[in-house]
C-alpha cells in the first residue's frame, strides 16, 4: 500500500501500525507519490488532503482514472461538505478519514479496502 503525507511523523506512525499486515511504501508529496505509482501498482492508497505542492484529493481523482481498482482513502484534518461531496463524486473514495485517526481504525479501513480491491479485480 502507498501512504502519502507531508508530515513524516504521521507517515512513521501509520507505517508502524500497518507494517505487520501490508508492504508499505511512503511518499512525502504528490509528486513523489506519482513517481512511485508509475513504478508499482497498489491495492490501497491513503493520501493526506492538504500538502505543499499539490493536494491529496486531486491526486486521488487522477489515480482513479489510471488505476480504477486501487482503493482510495483520503485523510483530512477537517471535514467540509463540499470536499466530501467532491470526493464521493470525483475520486470515488473508499473512505474519508478525519484526523486524529485511531490506528486500529486505520488498520480496519485499509484491510477492508484491500478486500474491496480484490473483489473489484475478480469481477473484471
PDB file of N, CA and C in Angstrom:
ATOM      1  N   UNK A   1       0.827  -1.166   0.000  1.00  0.00           N
ATOM      2  CA  UNK A   1       0.000   0.000   0.000  1.00  0.00           C
ATOM      3  C   UNK A   1       0.870   1.227   0.000  1.00  0.00           C
ATOM      4  N   UNK A   2       0.298   2.337  -0.444  1.00  0.00           N
ATOM      5  CA  UNK A   2       1.020   3.599  -0.556  1.00  0.00           C
ATOM      6  C   UNK A   2       0.421   4.611   0.408  1.00  0.00           C
ATOM      7  N   UNK A   3       1.274   5.201   1.249  1.00  0.00           N
ATOM      8  CA  UNK A   3       0.878   6.258   2.183  1.00  0.00           C
ATOM      9  C   UNK A   3       1.503   7.566   1.735  1.00  0.00           C
ATOM     10  N   UNK A   4       0.679   8.636   1.689  1.00  0.00           N
ATOM     11  CA  UNK A   4       1.173   9.939   1.254  1.00  0.00           C
ATOM     12  C   UNK A   4       0.806  10.986   2.296  1.00  0.00           C
ATOM     13  N   UNK A   5       1.817  11.645   2.846  1.00  0.00           N
ATOM     14  CA  UNK A   5       1.595  12.735   3.795  1.00  0.00           C
ATOM     15  C   UNK A   5       2.877  13.551   3.867  1.00  0.00           C
ATOM     16  N   UNK A   6       2.742  14.855   3.973  1.00  0.00           N
ATOM     17  CA  UNK A   6       3.925  15.709   4.066  1.00  0.00           C
ATOM     18  C   UNK A   6       4.504  15.744   5.481  1.00  0.00           C
ATOM     19  N   UNK A   7       3.802  15.178   6.438  1.00  0.00           N
ATOM     20  CA  UNK A   7       4.281  15.140   7.817  1.00  0.00           C
ATOM     21  C   UNK A   7       4.918  13.773   8.085  1.00  0.00           C
ATOM     22  N   UNK A   8       6.251  13.732   8.128  1.00  0.00           N
ATOM     23  CA  UNK A   8       6.972  12.469   8.307  1.00  0.00           C
ATOM     24  C   UNK A   8       6.579  11.734   9.585  1.00  0.00           C
ATOM     25  N   UNK A   9       6.362  12.433  10.715  1.00  0.00           N
ATOM     26  CA  UNK A   9       5.950  11.697  11.919  1.00  0.00           C
ATOM     27  C   UNK A   9       4.639  10.910  11.724  1.00  0.00           C
ATOM     28  N   UNK A  10       3.695  11.474  10.981  1.00  0.00           N
ATOM     29  CA  UNK A  10       2.442  10.750  10.702  1.00  0.00           C
ATOM     30  C   UNK A  10       2.704   9.537   9.820  1.00  0.00           C
ATOM     31  N   UNK A  11       3.533   9.701   8.802  1.00  0.00           N
ATOM     32  CA  UNK A  11       3.881   8.559   7.948  1.00  0.00           C
ATOM     33  C   UNK A  11       4.508   7.448   8.779  1.00  0.00           C
ATOM     34  N   UNK A  12       5.372   7.833   9.715  1.00  0.00           N
ATOM     35  CA  UNK A  12       6.032   6.835  10.563  1.00  0.00           C
ATOM     36  C   UNK A  12       5.022   6.089  11.432  1.00  0.00           C
ATOM     37  N   UNK A  13       4.077   6.818  12.029  1.00  0.00           N
ATOM     38  CA  UNK A  13       3.064   6.195  12.889  1.00  0.00           C
ATOM     39  C   UNK A  13       2.144   5.294  12.072  1.00  0.00           C
ATOM     40  N   UNK A  14       1.669   5.795  10.929  1.00  0.00           N
ATOM     41  CA  UNK A  14       0.795   4.996  10.064  1.00  0.00           C
ATOM     42  C   UNK A  14       1.522   3.739   9.584  1.00  0.00           C
ATOM     43  N   UNK A  15       2.772   3.896   9.173  1.00  0.00           N
ATOM     44  CA  UNK A  15       3.555   2.759   8.683  1.00  0.00           C
ATOM     45  C   UNK A  15       3.711   1.702   9.773  1.00  0.00           C
ATOM     46  N   UNK A  16       4.029   2.149  10.976  1.00  0.00           N
ATOM     47  CA  UNK A  16       4.211   1.214  12.085  1.00  0.00           C
ATOM     48  C   UNK A  16       2.924   0.438  12.372  1.00  0.00           C
ATOM     49  N   UNK A  17       1.791   1.111  12.261  1.00  0.00           N
ATOM     50  CA  UNK A  17       0.504   0.471  12.543  1.00  0.00           C
ATOM     51  C   UNK A  17       0.119  -0.542  11.472  1.00  0.00           C
ATOM     52  N   UNK A  18       0.581  -0.343  10.252  1.00  0.00           N
ATOM     53  CA  UNK A  18       0.146  -1.176   9.131  1.00  0.00           C
ATOM     54  C   UNK A  18       1.195  -2.187   8.662  1.00  0.00           C
ATOM     55  N   UNK A  19       2.425  -1.985   9.065  1.00  0.00           N
ATOM     56  CA  UNK A  19       3.546  -2.774   8.539  1.00  0.00           C
ATOM     57  C   UNK A  19       3.404  -4.280   8.758  1.00  0.00           C
ATOM     58  N   UNK A  20       2.784  -4.690   9.845  1.00  0.00           N
ATOM     59  CA  UNK A  20       2.664  -6.123  10.135  1.00  0.00           C
ATOM     60  C   UNK A  20       1.791  -6.847   9.107  1.00  0.00           C
ATOM     61  N   UNK A  21       0.855  -6.125   8.476  1.00  0.00           N
ATOM     62  CA  UNK A  21      -0.064  -6.773   7.537  1.00  0.00           C
ATOM     63  C   UNK A  21       0.093  -6.340   6.082  1.00  0.00           C
ATOM     64  N   UNK A  22       0.824  -5.253   5.840  1.00  0.00           N
ATOM     65  CA  UNK A  22       0.945  -4.730   4.476  1.00  0.00           C
ATOM     66  C   UNK A  22       2.376  -4.327   4.169  1.00  0.00           C
ATOM     67  N   UNK A  23       2.755  -4.462   2.903  1.00  0.00           N
ATOM     68  CA  UNK A  23       4.010  -3.886   2.433  1.00  0.00           C
ATOM     69  C   UNK A  23       3.744  -2.394   2.253  1.00  0.00           C
ATOM     70  N   UNK A  24       4.515  -1.556   2.920  1.00  0.00           N
ATOM     71  CA  UNK A  24       4.257  -0.121   2.958  1.00  0.00           C
ATOM     72  C   UNK A  24       5.275   0.642   2.117  1.00  0.00           C
ATOM     73  N   UNK A  25       4.774   1.519   1.272  1.00  0.00           N
ATOM     74  CA  UNK A  25       5.589   2.489   0.552  1.00  0.00           C
ATOM     75  C   UNK A  25       5.090   3.862   0.981  1.00  0.00           C
ATOM     76  N   UNK A  26       6.005   4.814   1.148  1.00  0.00           N
ATOM     77  CA  UNK A  26       5.593   6.142   1.588  1.00  0.00           C
ATOM     78  C   UNK A  26       6.096   7.210   0.636  1.00  0.00           C
ATOM     79  N   UNK A  27       5.364   8.319   0.627  1.00  0.00           N
ATOM     80  CA  UNK A  27       5.743   9.492  -0.158  1.00  0.00           C
ATOM     81  C   UNK A  27       5.430  10.737   0.663  1.00  0.00           C
ATOM     82  N   UNK A  28       6.302  11.740   0.565  1.00  0.00           N
ATOM     83  CA  UNK A  28       6.106  12.992   1.302  1.00  0.00           C
ATOM     84  C   UNK A  28       5.433  14.074   0.471  1.00  0.00           C
ATOM     85  N   UNK A  29       5.125  13.761  -0.783  1.00  0.00           N
ATOM     86  CA  UNK A  29       4.491  14.747  -1.652  1.00  0.00           C
ATOM     87  C   UNK A  29       3.713  14.036  -2.750  1.00  0.00           C
ATOM     88  N   UNK A  30       2.833  14.774  -3.393  1.00  0.00           N
ATOM     89  CA  UNK A  30       2.071  14.235  -4.517  1.00  0.00           C
ATOM     90  C   UNK A  30       3.016  13.849  -5.646  1.00  0.00           C
ATOM     91  N   UNK A  31       4.003  14.684  -5.900  1.00  0.00           N
ATOM     92  CA  UNK A  31       4.960  14.406  -6.981  1.00  0.00           C
ATOM     93  C   UNK A  31       5.696  13.087  -6.735  1.00  0.00           C
ATOM     94  N   UNK A  32       6.161  12.891  -5.516  1.00  0.00           N
ATOM     95  CA  UNK A  32       6.844  11.647  -5.174  1.00  0.00           C
ATOM     96  C   UNK A  32       5.892  10.458  -5.291  1.00  0.00           C
ATOM     97  N   UNK A  33       4.651  10.630  -4.863  1.00  0.00           N
ATOM     98  CA  UNK A  33       3.657   9.559  -4.948  1.00  0.00           C
ATOM     99  C   UNK A  33       3.381   9.180  -6.397  1.00  0.00           C
ATOM    100  N   UNK A  34       3.273  10.157  -7.267  1.00  0.00           N
ATOM    101  CA  UNK A  34       3.032   9.870  -8.684  1.00  0.00           C
ATOM    102  C   UNK A  34       4.188   9.085  -9.284  1.00  0.00           C
ATOM    103  N   UNK A  35       5.413   9.450  -8.903  1.00  0.00           N
ATOM    104  CA  UNK A  35       6.590   8.725  -9.379  1.00  0.00           C
ATOM    105  C   UNK A  35       6.535   7.261  -8.938  1.00  0.00           C
ATOM    106  N   UNK A  36       6.232   7.036  -7.670  1.00  0.00           N
ATOM    107  CA  UNK A  36       6.146   5.673  -7.132  1.00  0.00           C
ATOM    108  C   UNK A  36       5.021   4.889  -7.812  1.00  0.00           C
ATOM    109  N   UNK A  37       3.879   5.536  -8.003  1.00  0.00           N
ATOM    110  CA  UNK A  37       2.710   4.874  -8.574  1.00  0.00           C
ATOM    111  C   UNK A  37       2.951   4.419 -10.015  1.00  0.00           C
ATOM    112  N   UNK A  38       3.807   5.130 -10.738  1.00  0.00           N
ATOM    113  CA  UNK A  38       4.104   4.721 -12.112  1.00  0.00           C
ATOM    114  C   UNK A  38       5.076   3.551 -12.163  1.00  0.00           C
ATOM    115  N   UNK A  39       5.699   3.230 -11.045  1.00  0.00           N
ATOM    116  CA  UNK A  39       6.648   2.120 -10.995  1.00  0.00           C
ATOM    117  C   UNK A  39       6.048   0.857 -10.395  1.00  0.00           C
ATOM    118  N   UNK A  40       4.994   1.019  -9.570  1.00  0.00           N
ATOM    119  CA  UNK A  40       4.417  -0.128  -8.871  1.00  0.00           C
ATOM    120  C   UNK A  40       2.920   0.078  -8.700  1.00  0.00           C
ATOM    121  N   UNK A  41       2.159  -1.018  -8.814  1.00  0.00           N
ATOM    122  CA  UNK A  41       0.719  -0.937  -8.575  1.00  0.00           C
ATOM    123  C   UNK A  41       0.420  -1.256  -7.122  1.00  0.00           C
ATOM    124  N   UNK A  42      -0.636  -0.638  -6.606  1.00  0.00           N
ATOM    125  CA  UNK A  42      -1.024  -0.821  -5.207  1.00  0.00           C
ATOM    126  C   UNK A  42      -2.501  -1.169  -5.125  1.00  0.00           C
ATOM    127  N   UNK A  43      -2.856  -1.920  -4.087  1.00  0.00           N
ATOM    128  CA  UNK A  43      -4.261  -2.203  -3.818  1.00  0.00           C
ATOM    129  C   UNK A  43      -4.928  -1.000  -3.174  1.00  0.00           C
ATOM    130  N   UNK A  44      -4.173  -0.298  -2.296  1.00  0.00           N
ATOM    131  CA  UNK A  44      -4.740   0.788  -1.500  1.00  0.00           C
ATOM    132  C   UNK A  44      -3.764   1.960  -1.465  1.00  0.00           C
ATOM    133  N   UNK A  45      -4.307   3.160  -1.548  1.00  0.00           N
ATOM    134  CA  UNK A  45      -3.519   4.367  -1.341  1.00  0.00           C
ATOM    135  C   UNK A  45      -4.249   5.226  -0.299  1.00  0.00           C
ATOM    136  N   UNK A  46      -3.480   5.723   0.678  1.00  0.00           N
ATOM    137  CA  UNK A  46      -4.004   6.618   1.717  1.00  0.00           C
ATOM    138  C   UNK A  46      -3.284   7.941   1.537  1.00  0.00           C
ATOM    139  N   UNK A  47      -4.041   9.011   1.255  1.00  0.00           N
ATOM    140  CA  UNK A  47      -3.435  10.311   0.977  1.00  0.00           C
ATOM    141  C   UNK A  47      -3.985  11.387   1.893  1.00  0.00           C
ATOM    142  N   UNK A  48      -3.076  12.205   2.409  1.00  0.00           N
ATOM    143  CA  UNK A  48      -3.475  13.391   3.159  1.00  0.00           C
ATOM    144  C   UNK A  48      -4.077  14.382   2.167  1.00  0.00           C
ATOM    145  N   UNK A  49      -5.019  15.187   2.639  1.00  0.00           N
ATOM    146  CA  UNK A  49      -5.672  16.127   1.726  1.00  0.00           C
ATOM    147  C   UNK A  49      -4.785  17.320   1.387  1.00  0.00           C
ATOM    148  N   UNK A  50      -4.333  18.053   2.397  1.00  0.00           N
ATOM    149  CA  UNK A  50      -3.576  19.286   2.143  1.00  0.00           C
ATOM    150  C   UNK A  50      -2.086  19.056   2.326  1.00  0.00           C
ATOM    151  N   UNK A  51      -1.345  19.247   1.220  1.00  0.00           N
ATOM    152  CA  UNK A  51       0.106  19.107   1.235  1.00  0.00           C
ATOM    153  C   UNK A  51       0.704  20.184   0.347  1.00  0.00           C
ATOM    154  N   UNK A  52       1.912  20.635   0.662  1.00  0.00           N
ATOM    155  CA  UNK A  52       2.576  21.583  -0.231  1.00  0.00           C
ATOM    156  C   UNK A  52       2.805  20.955  -1.601  1.00  0.00           C
ATOM    157  N   UNK A  53       2.589  21.703  -2.652  1.00  0.00           N
ATOM    158  CA  UNK A  53       2.860  21.211  -3.998  1.00  0.00           C
ATOM    159  C   UNK A  53       1.776  20.341  -4.598  1.00  0.00           C
ATOM    160  N   UNK A  54       0.604  20.283  -3.990  1.00  0.00           N
ATOM    161  CA  UNK A  54      -0.492  19.502  -4.545  1.00  0.00           C
ATOM    162  C   UNK A  54      -1.322  18.918  -3.431  1.00  0.00           C
ATOM    163  N   UNK A  55      -2.587  18.648  -3.723  1.00  0.00           N
ATOM    164  CA  UNK A  55      -3.418  18.082  -2.654  1.00  0.00           C
ATOM    165  C   UNK A  55      -3.800  16.646  -2.965  1.00  0.00           C
ATOM    166  N   UNK A  56      -4.109  15.941  -1.887  1.00  0.00           N
ATOM    167  CA  UNK A  56      -4.432  14.525  -1.994  1.00  0.00           C
ATOM    168  C   UNK A  56      -5.672  14.255  -2.815  1.00  0.00           C
ATOM    169  N   UNK A  57      -6.652  15.143  -2.724  1.00  0.00           N
ATOM    170  CA  UNK A  57      -7.895  14.935  -3.483  1.00  0.00           C
ATOM    171  C   UNK A  57      -7.621  14.912  -4.980  1.00  0.00           C
ATOM    172  N   UNK A  58      -6.899  15.887  -5.477  1.00  0.00           N
ATOM    173  CA  UNK A  58      -6.590  15.927  -6.914  1.00  0.00           C
ATOM    174  C   UNK A  58      -5.786  14.706  -7.332  1.00  0.00           C
ATOM    175  N   UNK A  59      -4.851  14.307  -6.489  1.00  0.00           N
ATOM    176  CA  UNK A  59      -4.065  13.107  -6.762  1.00  0.00           C
ATOM    177  C   UNK A  59      -4.977  11.884  -6.871  1.00  0.00           C
ATOM    178  N   UNK A  60      -5.920  11.745  -5.940  1.00  0.00           N
ATOM    179  CA  UNK A  60      -6.801  10.573  -5.943  1.00  0.00           C
ATOM    180  C   UNK A  60      -7.746  10.564  -7.137  1.00  0.00           C
ATOM    181  N   UNK A  61      -8.180  11.741  -7.585  1.00  0.00           N
ATOM    182  CA  UNK A  61      -9.014  11.823  -8.791  1.00  0.00           C
ATOM    183  C   UNK A  61      -8.231  11.297  -9.995  1.00  0.00           C
ATOM    184  N   UNK A  62      -6.981  11.749 -10.124  1.00  0.00           N
ATOM    185  CA  UNK A  62      -6.143  11.270 -11.246  1.00  0.00           C
ATOM    186  C   UNK A  62      -5.850   9.782 -11.111  1.00  0.00           C
ATOM    187  N   UNK A  63      -5.586   9.335  -9.878  1.00  0.00           N
ATOM    188  CA  UNK A  63      -5.271   7.919  -9.647  1.00  0.00           C
ATOM    189  C   UNK A  63      -6.455   7.034 -10.019  1.00  0.00           C
ATOM    190  N   UNK A  64      -7.655   7.512  -9.758  1.00  0.00           N
ATOM    191  CA  UNK A  64      -8.852   6.733 -10.099  1.00  0.00           C
ATOM    192  C   UNK A  64      -8.913   6.460 -11.602  1.00  0.00           C
ATOM    193  N   UNK A  65      -8.558   7.460 -12.395  1.00  0.00           N
ATOM    194  CA  UNK A  65      -8.617   7.314 -13.845  1.00  0.00           C
ATOM    195  C   UNK A  65      -7.608   6.283 -14.348  1.00  0.00           C
ATOM    196  N   UNK A  66      -6.399   6.304 -13.776  1.00  0.00           N
ATOM    197  CA  UNK A  66      -5.346   5.401 -14.240  1.00  0.00           C
ATOM    198  C   UNK A  66      -5.404   4.018 -13.599  1.00  0.00           C
ATOM    199  N   UNK A  67      -5.856   3.968 -12.345  1.00  0.00           N
ATOM    200  CA  UNK A  67      -5.856   2.711 -11.586  1.00  0.00           C
ATOM    201  C   UNK A  67      -7.229   2.527 -10.933  1.00  0.00           C
ATOM    202  N   UNK A  68      -8.231   2.182 -11.714  1.00  0.00           N
ATOM    203  CA  UNK A  68      -9.605   2.155 -11.186  1.00  0.00           C
ATOM    204  C   UNK A  68      -9.851   1.139 -10.076  1.00  0.00           C
ATOM    205  N   UNK A  69      -9.063   0.069 -10.014  1.00  0.00           N
ATOM    206  CA  UNK A  69      -9.279  -0.941  -8.969  1.00  0.00           C
ATOM    207  C   UNK A  69      -8.623  -0.557  -7.649  1.00  0.00           C
ATOM    208  N   UNK A  70      -7.620   0.305  -7.708  1.00  0.00           N
ATOM    209  CA  UNK A  70      -6.925   0.717  -6.494  1.00  0.00           C
ATOM    210  C   UNK A  70      -7.901   1.495  -5.605  1.00  0.00           C
ATOM    211  N   UNK A  71      -7.981   1.100  -4.351  1.00  0.00           N
ATOM    212  CA  UNK A  71      -8.905   1.748  -3.422  1.00  0.00           C
ATOM    213  C   UNK A  71      -8.256   2.999  -2.849  1.00  0.00           C
ATOM    214  N   UNK A  72      -9.039   4.073  -2.773  1.00  0.00           N
ATOM    215  CA  UNK A  72      -8.528   5.382  -2.405  1.00  0.00           C
ATOM    216  C   UNK A  72      -9.125   5.844  -1.074  1.00  0.00           C
ATOM    217  N   UNK A  73      -8.244   6.261  -0.168  1.00  0.00           N
ATOM    218  CA  UNK A  73      -8.654   6.753   1.146  1.00  0.00           C
ATOM    219  C   UNK A  73      -8.061   8.145   1.327  1.00  0.00           C
ATOM    220  N   UNK A  74      -8.903   9.109   1.652  1.00  0.00           N
ATOM    221  CA  UNK A  74      -8.458  10.484   1.880  1.00  0.00           C
ATOM    222  C   UNK A  74      -8.465  10.763   3.378  1.00  0.00           C
ATOM    223  N   UNK A  75      -7.386  11.377   3.855  1.00  0.00           N
ATOM    224  CA  UNK A  75      -7.259  11.765   5.258  1.00  0.00           C
ATOM    225  C   UNK A  75      -7.228  13.286   5.317  1.00  0.00           C
ATOM    226  N   UNK A  76      -7.994  13.855   6.239  1.00  0.00           N
ATOM    227  CA  UNK A  76      -8.030  15.311   6.358  1.00  0.00           C
ATOM    228  C   UNK A  76      -8.162  15.717   7.819  1.00  0.00           C
ATOM    229  N   UNK A  77      -7.673  16.905   8.099  1.00  0.00           N
ATOM    230  CA  UNK A  77      -7.788  17.452   9.437  1.00  0.00           C
ATOM    231  C   UNK A  77      -9.102  18.167   9.666  1.00  0.00           C
ATOM    232  N   UNK A  78      -9.891  18.317   8.633  1.00  0.00           N
ATOM    233  CA  UNK A  78     -11.197  18.973   8.756  1.00  0.00           C
ATOM    234  C   UNK A  78     -12.150  18.389   7.723  1.00  0.00           C
ATOM    235  N   UNK A  79     -13.406  18.529   7.974  1.00  0.00           N
ATOM    236  CA  UNK A  79     -14.409  17.992   7.060  1.00  0.00           C
ATOM    237  C   UNK A  79     -15.292  19.135   6.571  1.00  0.00           C
ATOM    238  N   UNK A  80     -15.155  19.454   5.310  1.00  0.00           N
ATOM    239  CA  UNK A  80     -16.038  20.444   4.695  1.00  0.00           C
ATOM    240  C   UNK A  80     -16.986  19.687   3.782  1.00  0.00           C
ATOM    241  N   UNK A  81     -18.265  20.023   3.817  1.00  0.00           N
ATOM    242  CA  UNK A  81     -19.234  19.285   2.989  1.00  0.00           C
ATOM    243  C   UNK A  81     -18.879  19.264   1.506  1.00  0.00           C
ATOM    244  N   UNK A  82     -18.332  20.373   0.984  1.00  0.00           N
ATOM    245  CA  UNK A  82     -18.017  20.396  -0.448  1.00  0.00           C
ATOM    246  C   UNK A  82     -16.860  19.455  -0.784  1.00  0.00           C
ATOM    247  N   UNK A  83     -15.926  19.282   0.143  1.00  0.00           N
ATOM    248  CA  UNK A  83     -14.830  18.346  -0.086  1.00  0.00           C
ATOM    249  C   UNK A  83     -15.364  16.915  -0.069  1.00  0.00           C
ATOM    250  N   UNK A  84     -16.220  16.639   0.877  1.00  0.00           N
ATOM    251  CA  UNK A  84     -16.796  15.303   0.963  1.00  0.00           C
ATOM    252  C   UNK A  84     -17.610  14.973  -0.285  1.00  0.00           C
ATOM    253  N   UNK A  85     -18.406  15.906  -0.751  1.00  0.00           N
ATOM    254  CA  UNK A  85     -19.206  15.693  -1.954  1.00  0.00           C
ATOM    255  C   UNK A  85     -18.309  15.473  -3.165  1.00  0.00           C
ATOM    256  N   UNK A  86     -17.269  16.289  -3.303  1.00  0.00           N
ATOM    257  CA  UNK A  86     -16.358  16.141  -4.433  1.00  0.00           C
ATOM    258  C   UNK A  86     -15.654  14.791  -4.373  1.00  0.00           C
ATOM    259  N   UNK A  87     -15.265  14.384  -3.164  1.00  0.00           N
ATOM    260  CA  UNK A  87     -14.558  13.114  -3.029  1.00  0.00           C
ATOM    261  C   UNK A  87     -15.436  11.949  -3.456  1.00  0.00           C
ATOM    262  N   UNK A  88     -16.699  12.006  -3.104  1.00  0.00           N
ATOM    263  CA  UNK A  88     -17.620  10.937  -3.485  1.00  0.00           C
ATOM    264  C   UNK A  88     -17.824  10.931  -4.997  1.00  0.00           C
ATOM    265  N   UNK A  89     -18.014  12.097  -5.571  1.00  0.00           N
ATOM    266  CA  UNK A  89     -18.327  12.188  -6.993  1.00  0.00           C
ATOM    267  C   UNK A  89     -17.122  11.987  -7.912  1.00  0.00           C
ATOM    268  N   UNK A  90     -15.988  12.568  -7.559  1.00  0.00           N
ATOM    269  CA  UNK A  90     -14.858  12.575  -8.484  1.00  0.00           C
ATOM    270  C   UNK A  90     -13.801  11.511  -8.207  1.00  0.00           C
ATOM    271  N   UNK A  91     -13.511  11.272  -6.955  1.00  0.00           N
ATOM    272  CA  UNK A  91     -12.438  10.326  -6.635  1.00  0.00           C
ATOM    273  C   UNK A  91     -12.968   8.942  -6.296  1.00  0.00           C
ATOM    274  N   UNK A  92     -14.267   8.819  -6.113  1.00  0.00           N
ATOM    275  CA  UNK A  92     -14.873   7.537  -5.733  1.00  0.00           C
ATOM    276  C   UNK A  92     -14.093   6.910  -4.582  1.00  0.00           C
ATOM    277  N   UNK A  93     -13.998   7.670  -3.505  1.00  0.00           N
ATOM    278  CA  UNK A  93     -13.223   7.222  -2.354  1.00  0.00           C
ATOM    279  C   UNK A  93     -13.806   5.972  -1.722  1.00  0.00           C
ATOM    280  N   UNK A  94     -12.922   5.142  -1.212  1.00  0.00           N
ATOM    281  CA  UNK A  94     -13.364   4.018  -0.388  1.00  0.00           C
ATOM    282  C   UNK A  94     -13.794   4.563   0.972  1.00  0.00           C
ATOM    283  N   UNK A  95     -12.981   5.463   1.535  1.00  0.00           N
ATOM    284  CA  UNK A  95     -13.321   6.114   2.805  1.00  0.00           C
ATOM    285  C   UNK A  95     -12.694   7.500   2.872  1.00  0.00           C
ATOM    286  N   UNK A  96     -13.279   8.316   3.726  1.00  0.00           N
ATOM    287  CA  UNK A  96     -12.769   9.642   4.068  1.00  0.00           C
ATOM    288  C   UNK A  96     -12.529   9.604   5.574  1.00  0.00           C
ATOM    289  N   UNK A  97     -11.286   9.791   6.010  1.00  0.00           N
ATOM    290  CA  UNK A  97     -10.956   9.701   7.430  1.00  0.00           C
ATOM    291  C   UNK A  97     -10.586  11.071   7.981  1.00  0.00           C
ATOM    292  N   UNK A  98     -11.128  11.384   9.123  1.00  0.00           N
ATOM    293  CA  UNK A  98     -10.876  12.673   9.772  1.00  0.00           C
ATOM    294  C   UNK A  98      -9.837  12.486  10.868  1.00  0.00           C
ATOM    295  N   UNK A  99      -8.800  13.331  10.831  1.00  0.00           N
ATOM    296  CA  UNK A  99      -7.772  13.294  11.878  1.00  0.00           C
ATOM    297  C   UNK A  99      -8.368  13.808  13.178  1.00  0.00           C
ATOM    298  N   UNK A 100      -7.956  13.307  14.318  1.00  0.00           N
ATOM    299  CA  UNK A 100      -6.993  12.232  14.528  1.00  0.00           C
ATOM    300  C   UNK A 100      -7.625  10.869  14.256  1.00  0.00           C
ATOM    301  N   UNK A 101      -6.815   9.954  13.777  1.00  0.00           N
ATOM    302  CA  UNK A 101      -7.278   8.629  13.390  1.00  0.00           C
ATOM    303  C   UNK A 101      -6.716   7.603  14.372  1.00  0.00           C
ATOM    304  N   UNK A 102      -7.560   6.712  14.847  1.00  0.00           N
ATOM    305  CA  UNK A 102      -7.047   5.632  15.695  1.00  0.00           C
ATOM    306  C   UNK A 102      -6.339   4.636  14.787  1.00  0.00           C
ATOM    307  N   UNK A 103      -5.262   4.073  15.274  1.00  0.00           N
ATOM    308  CA  UNK A 103      -4.501   3.129  14.456  1.00  0.00           C
ATOM    309  C   UNK A 103      -5.293   1.847  14.211  1.00  0.00           C
ATOM    310  N   UNK A 104      -6.101   1.426  15.181  1.00  0.00           N
ATOM    311  CA  UNK A 104      -6.942   0.244  14.950  1.00  0.00           C
ATOM    312  C   UNK A 104      -7.996   0.553  13.889  1.00  0.00           C
ATOM    313  N   UNK A 105      -8.525   1.763  13.904  1.00  0.00           N
ATOM    314  CA  UNK A 105      -9.492   2.172  12.884  1.00  0.00           C
ATOM    315  C   UNK A 105      -8.860   2.232  11.511  1.00  0.00           C
ATOM    316  N   UNK A 106      -7.648   2.769  11.436  1.00  0.00           N
ATOM    317  CA  UNK A 106      -6.932   2.842  10.161  1.00  0.00           C
ATOM    318  C   UNK A 106      -6.672   1.434   9.619  1.00  0.00           C
ATOM    319  N   UNK A 107      -6.218   0.547  10.472  1.00  0.00           N
ATOM    320  CA  UNK A 107      -5.949  -0.828  10.050  1.00  0.00           C
ATOM    321  C   UNK A 107      -7.215  -1.500   9.527  1.00  0.00           C
ATOM    322  N   UNK A 108      -8.337  -1.298  10.211  1.00  0.00           N
ATOM    323  CA  UNK A 108      -9.604  -1.899   9.773  1.00  0.00           C
ATOM    324  C   UNK A 108     -10.024  -1.363   8.411  1.00  0.00           C
ATOM    325  N   UNK A 109      -9.914  -0.059   8.199  1.00  0.00           N
ATOM    326  CA  UNK A 109     -10.311   0.545   6.923  1.00  0.00           C
ATOM    327  C   UNK A 109      -9.407   0.072   5.796  1.00  0.00           C
ATOM    328  N   UNK A 110      -8.113   0.042   6.037  1.00  0.00           N
ATOM    329  CA  UNK A 110      -7.177  -0.393   4.990  1.00  0.00           C
ATOM    330  C   UNK A 110      -7.386  -1.873   4.658  1.00  0.00           C
ATOM    331  N   UNK A 111      -7.651  -2.685   5.662  1.00  0.00           N
ATOM    332  CA  UNK A 111      -7.924  -4.107   5.428  1.00  0.00           C
ATOM    333  C   UNK A 111      -9.187  -4.278   4.580  1.00  0.00           C
ATOM    334  N   UNK A 112     -10.231  -3.529   4.911  1.00  0.00           N
ATOM    335  CA  UNK A 112     -11.465  -3.573   4.116  1.00  0.00           C
ATOM    336  C   UNK A 112     -11.224  -3.090   2.689  1.00  0.00           C
ATOM    337  N   UNK A 113     -10.406  -2.052   2.549  1.00  0.00           N
ATOM    338  CA  UNK A 113     -10.102  -1.514   1.220  1.00  0.00           C
ATOM    339  C   UNK A 113      -9.332  -2.531   0.381  1.00  0.00           C
ATOM    340  N   UNK A 114      -8.406  -3.251   0.992  1.00  0.00           N
ATOM    341  CA  UNK A 114      -7.649  -4.277   0.259  1.00  0.00           C
ATOM    342  C   UNK A 114      -8.585  -5.388  -0.213  1.00  0.00           C
ATOM    343  N   UNK A 115      -9.536  -5.767   0.622  1.00  0.00           N
ATOM    344  CA  UNK A 115     -10.536  -6.778   0.218  1.00  0.00           C
ATOM    345  C   UNK A 115     -11.397  -6.251  -0.939  1.00  0.00           C
ATOM    346  N   UNK A 116     -11.796  -4.984  -0.858  1.00  0.00           N
ATOM    347  CA  UNK A 116     -12.601  -4.380  -1.928  1.00  0.00           C
ATOM    348  C   UNK A 116     -11.813  -4.365  -3.240  1.00  0.00           C
ATOM    349  N   UNK A 117     -10.535  -4.104  -3.166  1.00  0.00           N
ATOM    350  CA  UNK A 117      -9.688  -4.145  -4.372  1.00  0.00           C
ATOM    351  C   UNK A 117      -9.733  -5.539  -4.994  1.00  0.00           C
ATOM    352  N   UNK A 118      -9.525  -6.553  -4.154  1.00  0.00           N
ATOM    353  CA  UNK A 118      -9.502  -7.930  -4.659  1.00  0.00           C
ATOM    354  C   UNK A 118     -10.835  -8.313  -5.296  1.00  0.00           C
ATOM    355  N   UNK A 119     -11.945  -7.893  -4.685  1.00  0.00           N
ATOM    356  CA  UNK A 119     -13.268  -8.169  -5.268  1.00  0.00           C
ATOM    357  C   UNK A 119     -13.453  -7.446  -6.585  1.00  0.00           C
ATOM    358  N   UNK A 120     -12.990  -6.224  -6.683  1.00  0.00           N
ATOM    359  CA  UNK A 120     -13.100  -5.431  -7.905  1.00  0.00           C
ATOM    360  C   UNK A 120     -12.324  -6.087  -9.044  1.00  0.00           C
ATOM    361  N   UNK A 121     -11.123  -6.548  -8.732  1.00  0.00           N
ATOM    362  CA  UNK A 121     -10.295  -7.207  -9.746  1.00  0.00           C
ATOM    363  C   UNK A 121     -10.929  -8.535 -10.169  1.00  0.00           C
ATOM    364  N   UNK A 122     -11.463  -9.283  -9.213  1.00  0.00           N
ATOM    365  CA  UNK A 122     -12.073 -10.587  -9.511  1.00  0.00           C
ATOM    366  C   UNK A 122     -13.298 -10.448 -10.409  1.00  0.00           C
ATOM    367  N   UNK A 123     -14.032  -9.359 -10.282  1.00  0.00           N
ATOM    368  CA  UNK A 123     -15.215  -9.145 -11.120  1.00  0.00           C
ATOM    369  C   UNK A 123     -14.854  -8.864 -12.563  1.00  0.00           C
ATOM    370  N   UNK A 124     -13.661  -8.348 -12.790  1.00  0.00           N
ATOM    371  CA  UNK A 124     -13.238  -7.996 -14.160  1.00  0.00           C
ATOM    372  C   UNK A 124     -12.264  -8.989 -14.644  1.00  0.00           C
TER     373      UNK A 124
END
